């Protein structure tokens, strides 16, 4: 590791990202994200995502010293602080005395993304997802069902917000993602130029079974809309067909993250059984 810094005060300029945790969009607007808790930080360490710094207790440093000794961490600052300082950042029960600041991977160009997103598979696209915890749960679902990539537009919450990273349990570190300027225009282009099959989700009126391999080996993209209103009419215009989850009684919809899990199970179960 390049620098091991014993910390006696949180007022060091290098620790500003840790002091500003409560500012919701502060980090990702500057190209950084926050990882907190043992499992999330361990997954970050095991990933290929660049780590700017780690702030942890002496106990955690001893536990992770070997993992942090490799060449991957040559440019990583490791700050070791006493427990009472760490507990004063956001509360002992929140980050468990171990946190890290990582650099958000560069968003690929459309052409490079489209080239890497060929050859079939299941994808997820999102329109207008506002809640960071929903985003994190969706990311975890994508990882659980082997989704090849996540597509979001600028109208959705960033997958790299602190709460999203935490709820995803670090699954975002291994999930390829693409941030589109306009999600509908991007899906239109993927359908037109790369033969994607896009399925819009709706509470009523759609088909109730999905072939996860697509038709003739096409890439299959499940498209989900906002928490309050679902997909817009413009979004449905970018879809080849619609999918609905059968629901009993007068229940009109599911939480979007739950709907993603159910739809992905339906889309991938036949592939898994093959």
Protein backbone atom coordinates (compact mmCIF):
# COMPACT_ATOMS: atom_id res chain seq x y z
CA UNK A 1 0.00 0.00 0.00
CA UNK A 2 1.30 3.48 -0.74
CA UNK A 3 0.39 5.32 2.47
CA UNK A 4 -0.61 4.12 5.91
CA UNK A 5 -1.81 7.14 7.89
CA UNK A 6 -2.56 6.99 11.63
CA UNK A 7 -5.44 9.39 12.31
CA UNK A 8 -5.87 11.46 15.46
CA UNK A 9 -8.39 13.93 14.02
CA UNK A 10 -11.06 13.80 11.33
CA UNK A 11 -10.20 17.35 10.24
CA UNK A 12 -7.56 16.21 7.77
CA UNK A 13 -8.35 17.53 4.25
CA UNK A 14 -7.99 13.99 2.87
CA UNK A 15 -10.86 12.83 5.10
CA UNK A 16 -13.37 15.35 3.72
CA UNK A 17 -15.25 12.62 1.77
CA UNK A 18 -15.92 10.80 5.04
CA UNK A 19 -17.06 13.94 6.85
CA UNK A 20 -19.61 14.73 4.12
CA UNK A 21 -21.44 11.38 4.09
CA UNK A 22 -24.83 12.94 4.81
CA UNK A 23 -24.71 15.03 1.63
CA UNK A 24 -26.67 12.70 -0.64
CA UNK A 25 -25.21 13.51 -4.07
CA UNK A 26 -21.93 15.12 -2.98
CA UNK A 27 -19.69 12.19 -3.89
CA UNK A 28 -21.07 10.85 -7.16
CA UNK A 29 -21.21 14.31 -8.69
CA UNK A 30 -17.44 14.38 -8.18
CA UNK A 31 -16.95 10.89 -9.55
CA UNK A 32 -16.64 9.06 -6.22
CA UNK A 33 -18.77 6.62 -4.25
CA UNK A 34 -18.87 5.47 -0.62
CA UNK A 35 -18.59 1.84 0.49
CA UNK A 36 -19.48 0.98 4.07
CA UNK A 37 -19.70 -2.16 6.24
CA UNK A 38 -17.46 -5.19 6.22
CA UNK A 39 -19.16 -7.12 3.40
CA UNK A 40 -19.35 -4.16 1.04
CA UNK A 41 -15.74 -3.07 1.62
CA UNK A 42 -14.49 -6.64 1.25
CA UNK A 43 -16.33 -6.96 -2.07
CA UNK A 44 -14.81 -3.68 -3.19
CA UNK A 45 -11.33 -4.92 -2.27
CA UNK A 46 -11.96 -8.14 -4.22
CA UNK A 47 -13.24 -6.24 -7.28
CA UNK A 48 -11.33 -4.37 -9.97
CA UNK A 49 -12.95 -1.01 -9.11
CA UNK A 50 -10.43 1.67 -8.19
CA UNK A 51 -10.22 2.56 -4.49
CA UNK A 52 -9.09 6.07 -3.53
CA UNK A 53 -8.86 5.53 0.23
CA UNK A 54 -9.95 3.35 3.13
CA UNK A 55 -10.80 4.52 6.65
CA UNK A 56 -10.91 1.82 9.30
CA UNK A 57 -10.11 0.85 12.86
CA UNK A 58 -6.85 -0.77 13.92
CA UNK A 59 -8.71 -4.06 14.38
CA UNK A 60 -9.98 -4.00 10.80
CA UNK A 61 -6.58 -2.97 9.51
CA UNK A 62 -5.01 -6.02 11.14
CA UNK A 63 -7.71 -8.25 9.64
CA UNK A 64 -7.28 -6.85 6.11
CA UNK A 65 -3.53 -6.17 6.07
CA UNK A 66 -2.74 -9.10 3.81
CA UNK A 67 -5.57 -8.31 1.38
CA UNK A 68 -4.34 -4.71 1.13
CA UNK A 69 -0.71 -5.61 0.52
CA UNK A 70 -1.03 -6.36 -3.19
CA UNK A 71 0.03 -4.09 -6.09
CA UNK A 72 -3.60 -3.13 -6.73
CA UNK A 73 -3.43 -0.92 -3.63
CA UNK A 74 -0.19 0.88 -4.46
CA UNK A 75 -2.10 4.15 -4.92
CA UNK A 76 -4.58 3.66 -2.06
CA UNK A 77 -4.37 5.72 1.13
CA UNK A 78 -5.26 3.69 4.22
CA UNK A 79 -6.31 5.76 7.24
CA UNK A 80 -6.34 4.01 10.62
CA UNK A 81 -8.39 5.79 13.29
CA UNK A 82 -9.35 5.04 16.89
CA UNK A 83 -12.84 3.68 17.48
CA UNK A 84 -14.22 6.83 19.13
CA UNK A 85 -13.44 8.93 16.03
CA UNK A 86 -15.05 6.43 13.67
CA UNK A 87 -18.16 6.21 15.83
CA UNK A 88 -18.59 9.96 15.55
CA UNK A 89 -18.90 10.01 11.75
CA UNK A 90 -22.38 8.57 11.21
CA UNK A 91 -22.99 6.29 14.19
CA UNK A 92 -21.36 3.03 15.19
CA UNK A 93 -24.19 0.83 13.92
CA UNK A 94 -24.06 2.22 10.39
CA UNK A 95 -20.54 1.65 9.10
CA UNK A 96 -19.04 -0.78 11.64
CA UNK A 97 -15.73 1.12 11.73
CA UNK A 98 -14.75 0.37 8.14
CA UNK A 99 -15.41 2.52 5.06
CA UNK A 100 -13.87 3.24 1.69
CA UNK A 101 -14.04 5.84 -1.04
CA UNK A 102 -13.92 4.47 -4.59
CA UNK A 103 -13.85 6.04 -8.03
CA UNK A 104 -16.92 5.50 -10.20
CA UNK A 105 -15.88 3.62 -13.35
CA UNK A 106 -15.95 5.64 -16.55
CA UNK A 107 -19.21 5.37 -18.44
CA UNK A 108 -18.59 3.59 -21.76
CA UNK A 109 -19.47 5.14 -25.10
CA UNK A 110 -22.58 3.77 -26.77
CA UNK A 111 -20.55 1.99 -29.44
CA UNK A 112 -18.23 0.26 -26.98
CA UNK A 113 -21.17 -0.70 -24.79
CA UNK A 114 -23.21 -2.07 -27.69
CA UNK A 115 -20.23 -4.09 -28.92
CA UNK A 116 -19.81 -5.69 -25.49
CA UNK A 117 -23.56 -6.27 -25.15
CA UNK A 118 -23.95 -8.60 -28.10
CA UNK A 119 -24.58 -12.33 -28.20
CA UNK A 120 -27.78 -12.67 -26.23
CA UNK A 121 -28.44 -12.64 -22.51
CA UNK A 122 -30.79 -10.78 -20.18
CA UNK A 123 -30.51 -7.05 -19.51
CA UNK A 124 -32.40 -4.61 -17.27
CA UNK A 125 -33.25 -1.00 -18.17
CA UNK A 126 -34.76 1.56 -15.79
CA UNK A 127 -36.77 4.72 -16.35
CA UNK A 128 -37.28 7.25 -13.57
CA UNK A 129 -36.25 5.17 -10.53
CA UNK A 130 -36.01 7.80 -7.80
CA UNK A 131 -35.34 5.88 -4.60
CA UNK A 132 -31.71 4.93 -3.96
CA UNK A 133 -32.67 1.92 -1.85
CA UNK A 134 -34.87 0.58 -4.64
CA UNK A 135 -31.94 1.06 -7.00
CA UNK A 136 -29.66 -0.89 -4.68
CA UNK A 137 -32.15 -3.74 -4.35
CA UNK A 138 -32.57 -3.87 -8.15
CA UNK A 139 -28.79 -4.10 -8.57
CA UNK A 140 -28.64 -6.98 -6.09
CA UNK A 141 -31.45 -8.74 -7.99
CA UNK A 142 -29.57 -8.26 -11.25
CA UNK A 143 -26.49 -9.89 -9.76
CA UNK A 144 -28.53 -12.75 -8.29
CA UNK A 145 -30.10 -13.63 -11.64
CA UNK A 146 -27.01 -13.19 -13.79
CA UNK A 147 -28.10 -10.05 -15.65
CA UNK A 148 -25.44 -9.07 -18.19
CA UNK A 149 -25.82 -5.33 -17.70
CA UNK A 150 -27.91 -2.56 -16.16
CA UNK A 151 -29.00 0.48 -18.20
CA UNK A 152 -30.18 3.67 -16.51
CA UNK A 153 -31.06 7.10 -17.81
CA UNK A 154 -30.29 10.47 -16.27
CA UNK A 155 -33.89 10.51 -15.00
CA UNK A 156 -33.03 7.70 -12.56
CA UNK A 157 -31.10 7.78 -9.31
CA UNK A 158 -27.42 6.95 -9.72
CA UNK A 159 -26.50 3.33 -8.97
CA UNK A 160 -23.42 4.72 -7.18
CA UNK A 161 -25.19 6.69 -4.46
CA UNK A 162 -24.18 5.66 -0.95
CA UNK A 163 -27.51 4.02 -0.08
CA UNK A 164 -27.63 2.18 -3.41
CA UNK A 165 -24.14 0.76 -2.93
CA UNK A 166 -25.00 -0.29 0.63
CA UNK A 167 -28.33 -1.96 -0.23
CA UNK A 168 -26.79 -3.71 -3.23
CA UNK A 169 -24.30 -5.30 -0.78
CA UNK A 170 -21.54 -4.31 -3.20
CA UNK A 171 -23.11 -6.12 -6.16
CA UNK A 172 -22.65 -2.95 -8.21
CA UNK A 173 -18.88 -3.59 -8.24
CA UNK A 174 -19.31 -6.63 -10.46
CA UNK A 175 -22.28 -5.51 -12.58
CA UNK A 176 -21.59 -3.86 -15.92
CA UNK A 177 -23.67 -0.70 -16.28
CA UNK A 178 -24.37 2.03 -18.80
CA UNK A 179 -25.70 5.52 -18.03
CA UNK A 180 -27.69 6.77 -21.03
CA UNK A 181 -28.50 10.40 -21.71
CA UNK A 182 -31.98 9.32 -22.79
CA UNK A 183 -32.93 5.76 -21.93
CA UNK A 184 -35.72 5.49 -24.52
CA UNK A 185 -33.57 6.77 -27.37
CA UNK A 186 -30.82 4.36 -26.34
CA UNK A 187 -33.16 1.36 -26.33
CA UNK A 188 -34.58 2.40 -29.70
CA UNK A 189 -31.06 2.37 -31.11
CA UNK A 190 -30.21 -0.99 -29.53
CA UNK A 191 -33.36 -2.49 -31.04
CA UNK A 192 -32.67 -1.01 -34.44
CA UNK A 193 -28.92 -1.55 -34.73
CA UNK A 194 -28.36 -4.61 -32.52
CA UNK A 195 -31.65 -6.50 -32.71
CA UNK A 196 -32.48 -6.22 -29.00
CA UNK A 197 -35.88 -7.42 -27.84
CA UNK A 198 -37.24 -4.97 -25.24
CA UNK A 199 -40.06 -5.99 -22.90
CA UNK A 200 -41.89 -3.24 -21.00
CA UNK A 201 -43.37 -4.17 -17.63
CA UNK A 202 -46.91 -3.18 -16.68
CA UNK A 203 -49.29 -4.27 -13.89
CA UNK A 204 -52.00 -5.38 -16.31
CA UNK A 205 -52.48 -6.39 -19.91
CA UNK A 206 -49.15 -7.97 -20.80
CA UNK A 207 -47.97 -11.50 -21.45
CA UNK A 208 -47.27 -13.58 -18.32
CA UNK A 209 -44.43 -15.81 -19.54
CA UNK A 210 -41.02 -14.87 -20.92
CA UNK A 211 -38.37 -16.68 -22.90
CA UNK A 212 -35.11 -15.50 -21.35
CA UNK A 213 -33.10 -16.47 -24.43
CA UNK A 214 -35.09 -14.09 -26.58
CA UNK A 215 -36.23 -15.05 -30.04
CA UNK A 216 -33.47 -16.57 -32.10
CA UNK A 217 -30.81 -15.76 -29.50
CA UNK A 218 -31.64 -12.05 -29.24
CA UNK A 219 -30.59 -10.03 -26.25
CA UNK A 220 -33.63 -9.64 -24.00
CA UNK A 221 -34.03 -6.39 -22.06
CA UNK A 222 -36.63 -6.00 -19.30
CA UNK A 223 -37.69 -2.36 -18.97
CA UNK A 224 -39.04 -1.07 -15.62
CA UNK A 225 -40.55 2.31 -14.80
CA UNK A 226 -40.76 4.71 -11.87
CA UNK A 227 -42.08 3.85 -8.43
CA UNK A 228 -45.16 6.04 -8.73
CA UNK A 229 -46.24 5.78 -12.36
CA UNK A 230 -44.39 2.91 -14.01
CA UNK A 231 -43.24 3.27 -17.59
CA UNK A 232 -44.20 6.33 -19.60
CA UNK A 233 -46.00 6.10 -22.91
CA UNK A 234 -42.77 7.13 -24.60
CA UNK A 235 -41.06 4.18 -22.91
CA UNK A 236 -43.72 1.73 -24.07
CA UNK A 237 -43.14 2.98 -27.61
CA UNK A 238 -39.58 1.66 -27.25
CA UNK A 239 -40.81 -1.85 -26.38
CA UNK A 240 -41.58 -4.88 -28.53
CA UNK A 241 -44.19 -6.19 -26.10
CA UNK A 242 -45.40 -5.92 -22.51
CA UNK A 243 -45.07 -8.26 -19.54
CA UNK A 244 -47.33 -8.44 -16.47
CA UNK A 245 -46.92 -10.35 -13.21
CA UNK A 246 -50.22 -12.08 -12.35
CA UNK A 247 -51.62 -10.73 -9.07
CA UNK A 248 -54.64 -11.81 -7.07
CA UNK A 249 -57.43 -9.70 -5.64
CA UNK A 250 -57.30 -5.92 -5.80
CA UNK A 251 -53.50 -5.60 -5.54
CA UNK A 252 -52.59 -3.35 -8.44
CA UNK A 253 -48.79 -3.41 -8.34
CA UNK A 254 -45.61 -4.53 -6.55
CA UNK A 255 -42.65 -2.55 -5.30
CA UNK A 256 -40.40 -2.08 -8.32
CA UNK A 257 -37.45 -3.98 -6.84
CA UNK A 258 -39.71 -6.94 -6.05
CA UNK A 259 -41.18 -6.77 -9.55
CA UNK A 260 -37.65 -6.87 -11.00
CA UNK A 261 -36.88 -10.03 -9.01
CA UNK A 262 -40.08 -11.80 -10.11
CA UNK A 263 -39.64 -10.83 -13.76
CA UNK A 264 -36.00 -11.89 -13.78
CA UNK A 265 -36.89 -15.24 -12.30
CA UNK A 266 -39.42 -15.76 -15.07
CA UNK A 267 -36.96 -14.62 -17.72
CA UNK A 268 -34.06 -16.76 -16.56
CA UNK A 269 -35.65 -19.94 -15.21
CA UNK A 270 -35.93 -21.62 -18.60
CA UNK A 271 -32.33 -20.84 -19.40
CA UNK A 272 -31.24 -22.31 -16.06
CA UNK A 273 -33.32 -25.42 -16.63
CA UNK A 274 -31.98 -26.01 -20.12
